[in-house]
Amino acid sequence: MEINPDLSSLTFEQIQDALIRLGEQPFRGRQIFSWLHKKNVVTWAEMTDLSKDLRARLDEEFPLTPPEITGEQTAGDGTVKFRYRLSDGEEVEGVFMPEERRSTLCISTQVGCGMGCKFCATATMGLKRNLTAGEIAGQLEAAKRKLDVPITNVVFMGMGEPLANLESVLAAVDILLHSHGHHMSRRHVTVSTAGLVPAMEEFVHNSPARLAVSLNATTNKIRDQLMPINKKYPIESLLECCRNLPLQHTDRVTFEYVMLKGINDSEEDAHRLIRLLRGIRCKVNLIPFNPFDPLPYERPDDETVYTFQETLAAANITVMTRKSRGQDLKGACGQLVIETVETGTG
């Protein structure tokens, strides 16, 4: 038996094709795409420029099951952590970070994560499943319905490895950028990866959004320990890929570098990083580790972070230290995890 597609997960062209197969005119696809992703409605009944008969048919054949915000915590710095429930009962988390001139929503692409990075709380969940494109974009839509302020930037840096769910991520980015959808600037959408080399190449060839690479070490020995993916795609092959990516216009690869006390934060690491990044159009985001029990790592002191940053800057590398947001509600980088409570009758 053929399973009807989830219309909220289809790109603009795909949803037009789906409506044509239903015997409708292509413009119906444009109307529905806009209702779902621009006007953020959650029921067919709200789509008032569709006939009642068509709405009834769509409601029967294509039920809408958008992510629902079931939890909301606000930190002292204004950061908001959302918990989203999906149609099958699984949950993911995301974080809204307001700033003076922009506001950013961090969204998830998987329930859990299979990369096993040792400094990330999400890794303790393992991988449960991929999200659909509709579930990924639906986090933005749910947040928009909840918030009173506009969301200017979206980063695919929540739970999961985005490029391990490449098809859905590409479709979700298309939904975010399309003029009949969220109509975001490609420069305001960033997709992060732990370093899946073939998927990085495919992503850049098929999406105009920006790419961020989680590097986090300057030797294969340390990166092997921190990020198991390094054993498959070691630093040399990862950086060679970055060197050869066909970036658009003035784009640069963003390298994310989580700083762990006594492990990857020395001046020697800074100088090695300078040598590694030679010839790559890039910038570096330093991320002092955000502690999470029972992870055994510590945050370096501010002086160590400052020295590392200044060493890179002196070598003409564009570098910034990311300000930790939402630490008091476990919403900072690397802290997202769905914690379950097991009960028994023993």
Protein backbone atom coordinates (compact mmCIF):
# COMPACT_ATOMS: atom_id res chain seq x y z
CA MET A 1 0.00 0.00 0.00
CA GLU A 2 1.39 3.44 -0.95
CA ILE A 3 1.89 5.75 2.01
CA ASN A 4 0.86 9.35 1.43
CA PRO A 5 3.75 11.80 1.79
CA ASP A 6 4.06 14.21 4.68
CA LEU A 7 3.23 17.41 2.82
CA SER A 8 5.00 19.56 5.39
CA SER A 9 8.28 17.81 4.50
CA LEU A 10 8.09 18.50 0.78
CA THR A 11 9.99 21.25 -1.01
CA PHE A 12 8.06 23.85 -3.00
CA GLU A 13 8.46 21.93 -6.26
CA GLN A 14 7.61 18.59 -4.62
CA ILE A 15 4.41 19.90 -3.08
CA GLN A 16 3.31 21.35 -6.42
CA ASP A 17 3.91 17.95 -8.06
CA ALA A 18 1.94 16.24 -5.28
CA LEU A 19 -1.06 18.52 -5.85
CA ILE A 20 -0.91 17.95 -9.61
CA ARG A 21 -1.07 14.19 -8.96
CA LEU A 22 -4.20 14.86 -6.92
CA GLY A 23 -5.74 16.52 -9.98
CA GLU A 24 -5.28 20.07 -8.66
CA GLN A 25 -3.71 23.09 -10.34
CA PRO A 26 -0.05 23.83 -9.49
CA PHE A 27 -0.97 27.09 -7.72
CA ARG A 28 -2.69 25.03 -5.02
CA GLY A 29 0.75 23.72 -4.07
CA ARG A 30 2.01 27.28 -3.73
CA GLN A 31 -0.94 28.17 -1.50
CA ILE A 32 -0.44 25.14 0.74
CA PHE A 33 3.33 25.60 0.97
CA SER A 34 2.79 29.21 2.02
CA TRP A 35 0.16 28.29 4.60
CA LEU A 36 2.43 25.65 6.13
CA HIS A 37 5.73 27.51 6.15
CA LYS A 38 5.02 31.23 5.90
CA LYS A 39 1.76 31.63 7.78
CA ASN A 40 2.62 28.76 10.15
CA VAL A 41 -0.87 27.24 10.38
CA VAL A 42 -1.30 23.82 11.94
CA THR A 43 -4.66 22.65 10.55
CA TRP A 44 -6.15 22.36 7.07
CA ALA A 45 -9.26 24.20 8.27
CA GLU A 46 -7.21 27.40 8.60
CA MET A 47 -6.32 27.43 4.89
CA THR A 48 -9.28 29.56 3.93
CA ASP A 49 -8.41 30.10 0.26
CA LEU A 50 -8.83 26.37 -0.37
CA SER A 51 -12.26 24.92 -1.02
CA LYS A 52 -13.99 23.10 1.82
CA ASP A 53 -13.98 19.89 -0.23
CA LEU A 54 -10.23 20.11 -0.84
CA ARG A 55 -9.54 20.89 2.82
CA ALA A 56 -11.63 17.88 3.86
CA ARG A 57 -9.76 15.63 1.44
CA LEU A 58 -6.37 16.87 2.57
CA ASP A 59 -7.34 16.46 6.21
CA GLU A 60 -8.29 12.84 5.56
CA GLU A 61 -5.37 11.86 3.35
CA PHE A 62 -2.56 14.05 4.71
CA PRO A 63 -2.93 14.63 8.45
CA LEU A 64 -0.79 17.46 9.81
CA THR A 65 1.34 16.52 12.82
CA PRO A 66 3.69 19.47 13.47
CA PRO A 67 6.14 19.47 16.40
CA GLU A 68 4.48 20.74 19.57
CA ILE A 69 6.27 22.76 22.23
CA THR A 70 5.66 20.92 25.50
CA GLY A 71 8.35 22.54 27.62
CA GLU A 72 9.82 26.01 27.87
CA GLN A 73 12.54 27.33 30.19
CA THR A 74 13.95 30.85 30.23
CA ALA A 75 17.46 31.58 31.48
CA GLY A 76 18.62 34.72 33.21
CA ASP A 77 20.27 35.94 29.99
CA GLY A 78 16.99 35.68 28.06
CA THR A 79 17.83 32.39 26.35
CA VAL A 80 14.82 30.10 25.97
CA LYS A 81 15.11 26.31 25.77
CA PHE A 82 12.21 24.56 24.05
CA ARG A 83 11.23 20.93 24.25
CA TYR A 84 9.36 19.70 21.19
CA ARG A 85 7.19 16.60 21.09
CA LEU A 86 6.97 14.81 17.75
CA SER A 87 4.04 12.87 16.36
CA ASP A 88 5.37 9.50 17.59
CA GLY A 89 5.99 10.79 21.12
CA GLU A 90 9.76 11.25 20.71
CA GLU A 91 11.20 14.59 21.85
CA VAL A 92 13.98 16.95 20.86
CA GLU A 93 15.27 20.23 22.24
CA GLY A 94 16.10 23.59 20.70
CA VAL A 95 17.34 26.94 21.95
CA PHE A 96 16.31 30.53 21.16
CA MET A 97 19.03 33.14 21.77
CA PRO A 98 17.97 36.80 21.55
CA GLU A 99 20.57 39.49 21.02
CA GLU A 100 20.40 43.23 20.44
CA ARG A 101 20.58 43.14 16.64
CA ARG A 102 19.56 39.58 15.83
CA SER A 103 18.01 36.48 17.31
CA THR A 104 19.03 32.91 16.65
CA LEU A 105 17.16 29.61 16.91
CA CYS A 106 19.21 26.45 17.31
CA ILE A 107 17.28 23.44 15.97
CA SER A 108 17.71 19.66 16.02
CA THR A 109 17.93 17.22 13.11
CA GLN A 110 17.84 13.85 14.90
CA VAL A 111 16.41 12.34 18.05
CA GLY A 112 19.68 11.76 19.85
CA CYS A 113 22.93 11.38 17.92
CA GLY A 114 25.10 8.52 16.73
CA MET A 115 28.42 10.38 16.44
CA GLY A 116 29.53 9.59 20.00
CA CYS A 117 31.46 12.83 20.62
CA LYS A 118 32.77 12.53 24.16
CA PHE A 119 32.17 16.14 25.20
CA CYS A 120 28.52 16.31 24.07
CA ALA A 121 25.57 15.43 26.30
CA THR A 122 23.38 14.48 23.31
CA ALA A 123 25.76 11.59 22.55
CA THR A 124 24.69 9.89 25.79
CA MET A 125 21.27 9.29 24.20
CA GLY A 126 22.56 7.39 21.18
CA LEU A 127 20.70 7.73 17.90
CA LYS A 128 16.97 7.01 17.96
CA ARG A 129 15.88 8.30 14.57
CA ASN A 130 16.20 11.00 11.95
CA LEU A 131 13.78 13.90 11.82
CA THR A 132 11.78 14.60 8.69
CA ALA A 133 12.19 17.90 6.87
CA GLY A 134 8.79 18.94 8.23
CA GLU A 135 9.88 18.18 11.79
CA ILE A 136 13.09 20.18 11.32
CA ALA A 137 11.42 23.24 9.80
CA GLY A 138 8.49 22.73 12.17
CA GLN A 139 10.68 23.65 15.15
CA LEU A 140 11.11 27.11 13.66
CA GLU A 141 7.41 27.35 12.93
CA ALA A 142 6.46 26.30 16.47
CA ALA A 143 8.92 28.81 17.95
CA LYS A 144 7.52 31.58 15.74
CA ARG A 145 4.02 30.85 17.02
CA LYS A 146 5.31 31.07 20.58
CA LEU A 147 7.60 34.10 20.45
CA ASP A 148 6.77 37.78 20.12
CA VAL A 149 10.06 38.67 18.42
CA PRO A 150 11.33 37.78 14.95
CA ILE A 151 13.87 35.01 14.44
CA THR A 152 16.61 36.25 12.11
CA ASN A 153 19.06 33.31 12.15
CA VAL A 154 18.74 29.53 12.28
CA VAL A 155 21.60 27.18 13.13
CA PHE A 156 21.39 23.41 12.68
CA MET A 157 23.46 22.82 15.82
CA GLY A 158 20.97 21.18 18.15
CA MET A 159 20.59 17.47 18.74
CA GLY A 160 21.95 15.18 16.03
CA GLU A 161 24.45 15.22 13.16
CA PRO A 162 22.75 17.15 10.36
CA LEU A 163 24.74 15.62 7.51
CA ALA A 164 23.87 12.10 8.67
CA ASN A 165 20.30 13.13 7.78
CA LEU A 166 21.29 14.91 4.60
CA GLU A 167 18.15 14.48 2.47
CA SER A 168 15.86 15.89 5.15
CA VAL A 169 18.28 18.69 6.00
CA LEU A 170 18.56 19.78 2.37
CA ALA A 171 14.77 19.86 2.09
CA ALA A 172 14.44 21.75 5.39
CA VAL A 173 16.97 24.38 4.27
CA ASP A 174 15.02 24.75 1.01
CA ILE A 175 11.86 25.38 3.03
CA LEU A 176 13.61 28.00 5.18
CA LEU A 177 15.04 29.86 2.21
CA HIS A 178 12.16 29.70 -0.27
CA SER A 179 10.34 32.97 -0.98
CA HIS A 180 6.95 31.29 -0.36
CA GLY A 181 8.28 29.75 2.85
CA HIS A 182 10.28 31.48 5.58
CA HIS A 183 12.26 33.48 3.00
CA MET A 184 15.40 33.60 5.13
CA SER A 185 18.72 34.79 3.78
CA ARG A 186 21.11 31.96 3.01
CA ARG A 187 23.71 33.85 5.04
CA HIS A 188 21.50 33.49 8.11
CA VAL A 189 21.19 29.69 7.95
CA THR A 190 24.16 27.58 9.11
CA VAL A 191 24.44 23.80 9.10
CA SER A 192 27.02 22.19 11.38
CA THR A 193 28.80 18.86 10.96
CA ALA A 194 31.23 16.72 12.93
CA GLY A 195 33.07 16.12 9.66
CA LEU A 196 31.27 13.68 7.35
CA VAL A 197 33.48 14.40 4.34
CA PRO A 198 31.42 12.99 1.42
CA ALA A 199 28.22 14.54 2.82
CA MET A 200 29.98 17.91 3.23
CA GLU A 201 30.81 17.93 -0.47
CA GLU A 202 27.26 16.94 -1.40
CA PHE A 203 25.79 19.56 0.92
CA VAL A 204 27.83 22.43 -0.53
CA HIS A 205 26.99 21.36 -4.08
CA ASN A 206 23.26 21.26 -3.30
CA SER A 207 22.62 24.00 -0.74
CA PRO A 208 23.53 27.70 -0.53
CA ALA A 209 23.40 27.71 3.28
CA ARG A 210 26.57 28.14 5.27
CA LEU A 211 28.64 25.27 6.63
CA ALA A 212 30.27 24.92 10.06
CA VAL A 213 32.71 22.14 10.91
CA SER A 214 33.27 20.91 14.46
CA LEU A 215 37.06 20.47 14.65
CA ASN A 216 37.96 20.52 18.36
CA ALA A 217 41.52 19.19 18.16
CA THR A 218 44.80 19.78 16.35
CA THR A 219 46.11 16.19 16.36
CA ASN A 220 44.50 12.96 15.24
CA LYS A 221 45.38 11.35 18.58
CA ILE A 222 43.25 13.82 20.54
CA ARG A 223 40.49 14.07 17.92
CA ASP A 224 40.24 10.26 17.81
CA GLN A 225 39.61 10.32 21.55
CA LEU A 226 37.05 13.13 21.41
CA MET A 227 35.28 12.40 18.12
CA PRO A 228 35.12 8.79 16.85
CA ILE A 229 34.29 10.05 13.33
CA ASN A 230 37.94 11.14 13.08
CA LYS A 231 39.01 7.51 12.68
CA LYS A 232 37.07 7.41 9.40
CA TYR A 233 37.78 10.97 8.27
CA PRO A 234 40.99 12.13 9.98
CA ILE A 235 42.03 15.75 10.22
CA GLU A 236 44.08 15.66 7.00
CA SER A 237 41.19 14.42 4.82
CA LEU A 238 38.69 16.70 6.59
CA LEU A 239 40.77 19.83 6.03
CA GLU A 240 41.62 18.85 2.45
CA CYS A 241 37.89 18.63 1.81
CA CYS A 242 37.39 22.09 3.36
CA ARG A 243 40.22 23.47 1.24
CA ASN A 244 38.53 22.31 -1.97
CA LEU A 245 34.88 23.10 -1.24
CA PRO A 246 33.30 25.28 -3.95
CA LEU A 247 32.20 28.01 -1.56
CA GLN A 248 29.96 30.79 -2.80
CA HIS A 249 31.23 34.32 -3.26
CA THR A 250 32.78 35.53 0.00
CA ASP A 251 31.70 32.54 2.10
CA ARG A 252 34.06 30.95 4.59
CA VAL A 253 34.00 27.65 6.43
CA THR A 254 33.36 28.17 10.12
CA PHE A 255 35.45 25.91 12.35
CA GLU A 256 33.97 25.29 15.79
CA TYR A 257 36.53 24.50 18.44
CA VAL A 258 35.25 23.34 21.84
CA MET A 259 37.99 24.16 24.34
CA LEU A 260 38.63 21.52 27.00
CA LYS A 261 40.93 22.30 29.92
CA GLY A 262 44.30 20.61 29.60
CA ILE A 263 43.32 18.68 26.48
CA ASN A 264 43.20 21.01 23.47
CA ASP A 265 43.70 24.51 24.88
CA SER A 266 47.48 24.98 24.94
CA GLU A 267 49.51 27.57 23.04
CA GLU A 268 51.00 24.66 21.09
CA ASP A 269 47.46 23.73 20.02
CA ALA A 270 46.86 27.29 18.89
CA HIS A 271 50.00 27.30 16.75
CA ARG A 272 49.18 23.88 15.29
CA LEU A 273 45.70 25.14 14.44
CA ILE A 274 47.20 28.09 12.58
CA ARG A 275 49.31 25.71 10.48
CA LEU A 276 46.37 23.37 9.82
CA LEU A 277 44.09 26.14 8.57
CA ARG A 278 46.61 27.62 6.15
CA GLY A 279 45.04 28.03 2.71
CA ILE A 280 41.45 27.59 3.91
CA ARG A 281 39.02 30.50 3.69
CA CYS A 282 37.65 30.27 7.21
CA LYS A 283 36.86 31.72 10.59
CA VAL A 284 37.11 30.07 14.00
CA ASN A 285 34.54 30.01 16.78
CA LEU A 286 36.10 29.12 20.13
CA ILE A 287 33.60 27.49 22.48
CA PRO A 288 34.75 27.10 26.09
CA PHE A 289 33.34 23.79 27.29
CA ASN A 290 29.94 23.88 28.98
CA PRO A 291 30.08 21.35 31.86
CA PHE A 292 27.49 18.57 32.03
CA ASP A 293 27.45 15.67 34.50
CA PRO A 294 28.77 13.00 34.15
CA LEU A 295 31.08 14.24 31.37
CA PRO A 296 34.62 14.37 32.81
CA TYR A 297 35.85 17.57 31.13
CA GLU A 298 36.44 21.04 32.54
CA ARG A 299 36.17 24.54 31.15
CA PRO A 300 39.49 26.37 30.66
CA ASP A 301 39.98 29.62 32.54
CA ASP A 302 39.33 32.93 30.80
CA GLU A 303 43.04 33.79 30.49
CA THR A 304 43.74 30.55 28.61
CA VAL A 305 40.84 31.21 26.23
CA TYR A 306 41.98 34.80 25.68
CA THR A 307 45.57 33.74 24.96
CA PHE A 308 44.37 31.11 22.47
CA GLN A 309 42.17 33.66 20.71
CA GLU A 310 44.89 36.31 20.54
CA THR A 311 47.39 33.80 19.13
CA LEU A 312 45.01 33.00 16.26
CA ALA A 313 44.18 36.66 15.70
CA ALA A 314 47.90 37.54 15.49
CA ALA A 315 48.14 35.07 12.59
CA ASN A 316 45.33 36.95 10.77
CA ILE A 317 42.74 34.28 11.43
CA THR A 318 39.24 35.65 12.02
CA VAL A 319 38.35 34.31 15.46
CA MET A 320 35.74 34.89 18.12
CA THR A 321 34.89 33.29 21.43
CA ARG A 322 31.29 32.24 21.59
CA LYS A 323 29.48 33.52 24.65
CA SER A 324 27.82 30.69 26.56
CA ARG A 325 24.05 31.12 26.60
CA GLY A 326 21.52 29.29 28.73
CA GLN A 327 23.95 27.39 30.95
CA ASP A 328 21.63 27.63 33.95
CA LEU A 329 18.98 25.60 32.11
CA LYS A 330 21.37 23.20 30.31
CA GLY A 331 20.72 24.94 27.02
CA ALA A 332 24.30 25.85 26.11
CA CYS A 333 26.31 24.28 23.30
CA GLY A 334 26.72 20.54 23.89
CA GLN A 335 24.23 20.37 26.76
CA LEU A 336 21.03 19.31 24.93
CA VAL A 337 19.75 15.92 26.01
CA ILE A 338 16.37 14.35 26.67
CA GLU A 339 16.64 12.89 30.14
CA THR A 340 14.23 10.10 30.97
CA VAL A 341 13.23 8.91 34.39
CA GLU A 342 12.86 5.14 34.73
CA THR A 343 10.36 3.83 37.22
CA GLY A 344 9.95 0.32 38.54
CA THR A 345 8.06 -1.75 41.05
CA GLY A 346 11.01 -3.54 42.58
